[in-house]
């Protein structure tokens, strides 16, 4: 399934009839099983319905970092992002990709 960023935003956990999606490096993961983390009020709710690549790489919850941009990230931050991607792959199904 291909999603635009606007379509991805509809899967942010605010509609209980829809799954919760988080994208990493353009790959969309269904994180509904982790709704206590990614759903409304959860510690990572700001990532729901978005590509959170930069924020995960920087270990940041700042709104300005919740973006797919990898520009200017250090080698260490890219490594952190790759670790997150591996954790998500092991735990959550990939359901699509984000179109630019």
N, C-alpha and C. Protein backbone atom coordinates (compact mmCIF):
# COMPACT_ATOMS: atom_id res chain seq x y z
N UNK A 1 0.85 -1.17 0.00
CA UNK A 1 0.00 0.00 0.00
C UNK A 1 0.90 1.24 0.00
N UNK A 2 0.63 2.14 -0.90
CA UNK A 2 1.36 3.40 -0.98
C UNK A 2 0.51 4.50 -0.35
N UNK A 3 1.12 5.28 0.52
CA UNK A 3 0.43 6.36 1.21
C UNK A 3 1.16 7.68 1.01
N UNK A 4 0.41 8.75 0.82
CA UNK A 4 1.02 10.08 0.86
C UNK A 4 1.19 10.45 2.33
N UNK A 5 2.02 11.43 2.64
CA UNK A 5 2.12 11.86 4.05
C UNK A 5 0.76 12.28 4.63
N UNK A 6 -0.09 12.87 3.80
CA UNK A 6 -1.42 13.28 4.26
C UNK A 6 -2.28 12.06 4.60
N UNK A 7 -2.18 11.00 3.78
CA UNK A 7 -2.94 9.78 4.07
C UNK A 7 -2.39 9.09 5.32
N UNK A 8 -1.07 9.06 5.47
CA UNK A 8 -0.45 8.45 6.64
C UNK A 8 -0.94 9.13 7.92
N UNK A 9 -1.12 10.44 7.87
CA UNK A 9 -1.55 11.21 9.04
C UNK A 9 -2.91 10.75 9.59
N UNK A 10 -3.71 10.11 8.75
CA UNK A 10 -5.03 9.62 9.19
C UNK A 10 -4.91 8.42 10.13
N UNK A 11 -3.73 7.82 10.20
CA UNK A 11 -3.50 6.63 11.03
C UNK A 11 -2.70 7.00 12.28
N UNK A 12 -3.13 8.08 12.95
CA UNK A 12 -2.39 8.60 14.09
C UNK A 12 -2.96 8.16 15.44
N UNK A 13 -3.92 7.25 15.41
CA UNK A 13 -4.46 6.71 16.65
C UNK A 13 -5.67 7.45 17.20
N UNK A 14 -6.05 8.56 16.58
CA UNK A 14 -7.20 9.31 17.11
C UNK A 14 -8.52 8.68 16.71
N UNK A 15 -8.54 7.87 15.65
CA UNK A 15 -9.75 7.17 15.23
C UNK A 15 -9.60 5.71 15.64
N UNK A 16 -10.36 5.27 16.67
CA UNK A 16 -10.18 3.90 17.16
C UNK A 16 -10.51 2.82 16.15
N UNK A 17 -11.21 3.17 15.05
CA UNK A 17 -11.54 2.16 14.04
C UNK A 17 -10.41 1.96 13.03
N UNK A 18 -9.36 2.80 13.09
CA UNK A 18 -8.23 2.67 12.16
C UNK A 18 -6.99 2.20 12.90
N UNK A 19 -6.11 1.49 12.20
CA UNK A 19 -4.84 1.09 12.83
C UNK A 19 -3.94 2.31 13.05
N UNK A 20 -2.88 2.10 13.81
CA UNK A 20 -1.89 3.16 14.06
C UNK A 20 -0.63 2.82 13.26
N UNK A 21 -0.18 3.77 12.45
CA UNK A 21 1.00 3.56 11.62
C UNK A 21 2.11 4.53 12.00
N UNK A 22 3.35 4.04 11.94
CA UNK A 22 4.56 4.86 12.06
C UNK A 22 5.47 4.45 10.92
N UNK A 23 6.05 5.44 10.24
CA UNK A 23 6.99 5.14 9.15
C UNK A 23 8.42 5.41 9.59
N UNK A 24 9.31 4.56 9.08
CA UNK A 24 10.75 4.73 9.27
C UNK A 24 11.39 4.58 7.91
N UNK A 25 12.15 5.60 7.50
CA UNK A 25 12.82 5.58 6.19
C UNK A 25 11.83 5.23 5.07
N UNK A 26 10.61 5.77 5.20
CA UNK A 26 9.61 5.59 4.16
C UNK A 26 8.81 4.30 4.23
N UNK A 27 9.20 3.39 5.10
CA UNK A 27 8.46 2.12 5.25
C UNK A 27 7.44 2.28 6.37
N UNK A 28 6.20 1.89 6.08
CA UNK A 28 5.11 2.08 7.05
C UNK A 28 4.91 0.79 7.85
N UNK A 29 4.95 0.95 9.18
CA UNK A 29 4.74 -0.17 10.10
C UNK A 29 3.40 -0.01 10.79
N UNK A 30 2.67 -1.11 10.96
CA UNK A 30 1.43 -1.10 11.72
C UNK A 30 1.80 -1.35 13.19
N UNK A 31 1.75 -0.28 13.99
CA UNK A 31 2.17 -0.35 15.40
C UNK A 31 0.96 -0.43 16.34
N UNK A 32 -0.20 -0.82 15.79
CA UNK A 32 -1.42 -0.88 16.60
C UNK A 32 -1.23 -1.76 17.84
N UNK A 33 -0.44 -2.83 17.71
CA UNK A 33 -0.19 -3.71 18.85
C UNK A 33 0.50 -2.96 19.99
N UNK A 34 1.19 -1.87 19.67
CA UNK A 34 1.86 -1.05 20.67
C UNK A 34 1.11 0.24 20.95
N UNK A 35 -0.24 0.16 20.93
CA UNK A 35 -1.01 1.40 21.06
C UNK A 35 -0.81 2.09 22.41
N UNK A 36 -0.40 1.36 23.44
CA UNK A 36 -0.11 2.02 24.72
C UNK A 36 1.10 2.95 24.58
N UNK A 37 1.96 2.69 23.59
CA UNK A 37 3.12 3.55 23.32
C UNK A 37 2.80 4.63 22.29
N UNK A 38 2.10 4.24 21.21
CA UNK A 38 1.92 5.12 20.05
C UNK A 38 0.54 5.76 19.96
N UNK A 39 -0.40 5.27 20.75
CA UNK A 39 -1.75 5.82 20.74
C UNK A 39 -1.82 7.13 21.51
N UNK A 40 -2.98 7.79 21.47
CA UNK A 40 -3.15 9.06 22.17
C UNK A 40 -2.78 8.94 23.65
N UNK A 41 -1.96 9.87 24.13
CA UNK A 41 -1.52 9.84 25.51
C UNK A 41 -0.30 8.98 25.76
N UNK A 42 0.11 8.19 24.76
CA UNK A 42 1.27 7.33 24.91
C UNK A 42 2.56 8.13 24.81
N UNK A 43 3.67 7.57 25.31
CA UNK A 43 4.93 8.32 25.31
C UNK A 43 5.49 8.61 23.92
N UNK A 44 5.06 7.86 22.91
CA UNK A 44 5.55 8.08 21.55
C UNK A 44 4.42 8.45 20.60
N UNK A 45 3.33 8.99 21.14
CA UNK A 45 2.17 9.34 20.32
C UNK A 45 2.51 10.35 19.23
N UNK A 46 3.54 11.17 19.46
CA UNK A 46 3.90 12.18 18.46
C UNK A 46 4.44 11.56 17.17
N UNK A 47 4.80 10.28 17.19
CA UNK A 47 5.30 9.60 15.99
C UNK A 47 4.17 9.00 15.15
N UNK A 48 3.00 8.81 15.75
CA UNK A 48 1.90 8.12 15.08
C UNK A 48 1.41 8.93 13.89
N UNK A 49 1.24 8.23 12.76
CA UNK A 49 0.76 8.87 11.55
C UNK A 49 1.82 9.68 10.83
N UNK A 50 3.09 9.45 11.17
CA UNK A 50 4.18 10.24 10.57
C UNK A 50 5.37 9.34 10.27
N UNK A 51 6.29 9.88 9.45
CA UNK A 51 7.60 9.26 9.28
C UNK A 51 8.49 9.87 10.35
N UNK A 52 8.88 9.08 11.32
CA UNK A 52 9.62 9.56 12.49
C UNK A 52 11.12 9.30 12.38
N UNK A 53 11.63 9.13 11.17
CA UNK A 53 13.03 8.73 10.98
C UNK A 53 14.02 9.62 11.73
N UNK A 54 13.95 10.93 11.51
CA UNK A 54 14.92 11.85 12.12
C UNK A 54 14.82 11.82 13.65
N UNK A 55 13.59 11.84 14.17
CA UNK A 55 13.41 11.83 15.62
C UNK A 55 14.00 10.56 16.24
N UNK A 56 13.77 9.42 15.61
CA UNK A 56 14.31 8.17 16.14
C UNK A 56 15.83 8.17 16.07
N UNK A 57 16.39 8.68 14.98
CA UNK A 57 17.85 8.73 14.84
C UNK A 57 18.48 9.59 15.93
N UNK A 58 17.81 10.69 16.26
CA UNK A 58 18.33 11.64 17.24
C UNK A 58 17.84 11.35 18.66
N UNK A 59 17.03 10.29 18.81
CA UNK A 59 16.43 9.96 20.11
C UNK A 59 15.71 11.18 20.66
N UNK A 60 14.91 11.81 19.80
CA UNK A 60 14.24 13.07 20.12
C UNK A 60 12.73 12.91 20.04
N UNK A 61 12.03 13.65 20.90
CA UNK A 61 10.57 13.71 20.81
C UNK A 61 10.13 15.12 20.41
N UNK A 62 11.05 15.94 19.96
CA UNK A 62 10.72 17.30 19.54
C UNK A 62 9.97 17.28 18.20
N UNK A 63 8.89 18.07 18.12
CA UNK A 63 8.08 18.09 16.91
C UNK A 63 8.90 18.37 15.66
N UNK A 64 9.89 19.27 15.75
CA UNK A 64 10.66 19.62 14.56
C UNK A 64 11.52 18.47 14.06
N UNK A 65 11.75 17.47 14.90
CA UNK A 65 12.54 16.30 14.49
C UNK A 65 11.69 15.17 13.93
N UNK A 66 10.37 15.26 14.08
CA UNK A 66 9.49 14.19 13.58
C UNK A 66 9.27 14.43 12.09
N UNK A 67 10.27 14.00 11.31
CA UNK A 67 10.31 14.25 9.87
C UNK A 67 11.11 13.13 9.21
N UNK A 68 10.86 12.89 7.92
CA UNK A 68 11.64 11.86 7.22
C UNK A 68 13.04 12.31 6.84
N UNK A 69 13.38 13.59 7.02
CA UNK A 69 14.68 14.11 6.56
C UNK A 69 15.84 13.50 7.34
N UNK A 70 16.80 12.99 6.61
CA UNK A 70 18.02 12.45 7.23
C UNK A 70 19.21 13.39 7.03
N UNK A 71 18.96 14.57 6.46
CA UNK A 71 20.03 15.54 6.16
C UNK A 71 20.79 15.92 7.42
N UNK A 72 22.12 15.83 7.34
CA UNK A 72 22.97 16.29 8.42
C UNK A 72 23.08 15.35 9.60
N UNK A 73 22.50 14.16 9.52
CA UNK A 73 22.64 13.22 10.63
C UNK A 73 24.06 12.65 10.64
N UNK A 74 24.56 12.41 11.84
CA UNK A 74 25.89 11.81 11.98
C UNK A 74 25.82 10.32 11.67
N UNK A 75 27.00 9.73 11.49
CA UNK A 75 27.08 8.29 11.25
C UNK A 75 26.47 7.53 12.43
N UNK A 76 26.73 8.02 13.64
CA UNK A 76 26.19 7.39 14.84
C UNK A 76 24.66 7.46 14.84
N UNK A 77 24.10 8.61 14.47
CA UNK A 77 22.64 8.76 14.43
C UNK A 77 22.02 7.84 13.39
N UNK A 78 22.68 7.68 12.23
CA UNK A 78 22.18 6.75 11.20
C UNK A 78 22.19 5.32 11.76
N UNK A 79 23.22 5.00 12.52
CA UNK A 79 23.29 3.67 13.16
C UNK A 79 22.15 3.46 14.14
N UNK A 80 21.84 4.49 14.92
CA UNK A 80 20.72 4.42 15.87
C UNK A 80 19.42 4.20 15.11
N UNK A 81 19.24 4.93 14.00
CA UNK A 81 18.04 4.78 13.18
C UNK A 81 17.94 3.36 12.63
N UNK A 82 19.04 2.82 12.15
CA UNK A 82 19.03 1.45 11.62
C UNK A 82 18.65 0.45 12.71
N UNK A 83 19.12 0.68 13.95
CA UNK A 83 18.75 -0.19 15.07
C UNK A 83 17.24 -0.13 15.33
N UNK A 84 16.68 1.10 15.29
CA UNK A 84 15.24 1.25 15.47
C UNK A 84 14.48 0.51 14.36
N UNK A 85 14.96 0.67 13.13
CA UNK A 85 14.30 0.01 12.01
C UNK A 85 14.29 -1.51 12.21
N UNK A 86 15.40 -2.06 12.67
CA UNK A 86 15.48 -3.50 12.92
C UNK A 86 14.52 -3.93 14.02
N UNK A 87 14.41 -3.11 15.08
CA UNK A 87 13.48 -3.42 16.17
C UNK A 87 12.04 -3.42 15.67
N UNK A 88 11.69 -2.40 14.87
CA UNK A 88 10.34 -2.33 14.32
C UNK A 88 10.06 -3.53 13.41
N UNK A 89 11.03 -3.90 12.56
CA UNK A 89 10.86 -5.04 11.65
C UNK A 89 10.59 -6.32 12.41
N UNK A 90 11.25 -6.47 13.57
CA UNK A 90 11.09 -7.69 14.36
C UNK A 90 9.74 -7.73 15.08
N UNK A 91 9.14 -6.57 15.31
CA UNK A 91 7.97 -6.48 16.18
C UNK A 91 6.66 -6.17 15.45
N UNK A 92 6.74 -5.39 14.36
CA UNK A 92 5.54 -4.89 13.71
C UNK A 92 5.53 -5.20 12.21
N UNK A 93 4.34 -5.48 11.65
CA UNK A 93 4.27 -5.76 10.21
C UNK A 93 4.46 -4.48 9.37
N UNK A 94 5.14 -4.64 8.24
CA UNK A 94 5.26 -3.56 7.25
C UNK A 94 3.99 -3.60 6.40
N UNK A 95 3.32 -2.47 6.29
CA UNK A 95 2.05 -2.44 5.55
C UNK A 95 2.12 -1.59 4.30
N UNK A 96 3.24 -0.91 4.07
CA UNK A 96 3.33 -0.08 2.87
C UNK A 96 4.51 0.85 2.92
N UNK A 97 4.42 1.91 2.09
CA UNK A 97 5.48 2.89 2.04
C UNK A 97 4.88 4.27 1.85
N UNK A 98 5.66 5.27 2.22
CA UNK A 98 5.23 6.66 2.08
C UNK A 98 5.76 7.20 0.76
N UNK A 99 4.86 7.81 0.00
CA UNK A 99 5.26 8.46 -1.26
C UNK A 99 5.68 9.89 -0.98
N UNK A 100 6.69 10.36 -1.67
CA UNK A 100 7.13 11.74 -1.47
C UNK A 100 6.33 12.67 -2.36
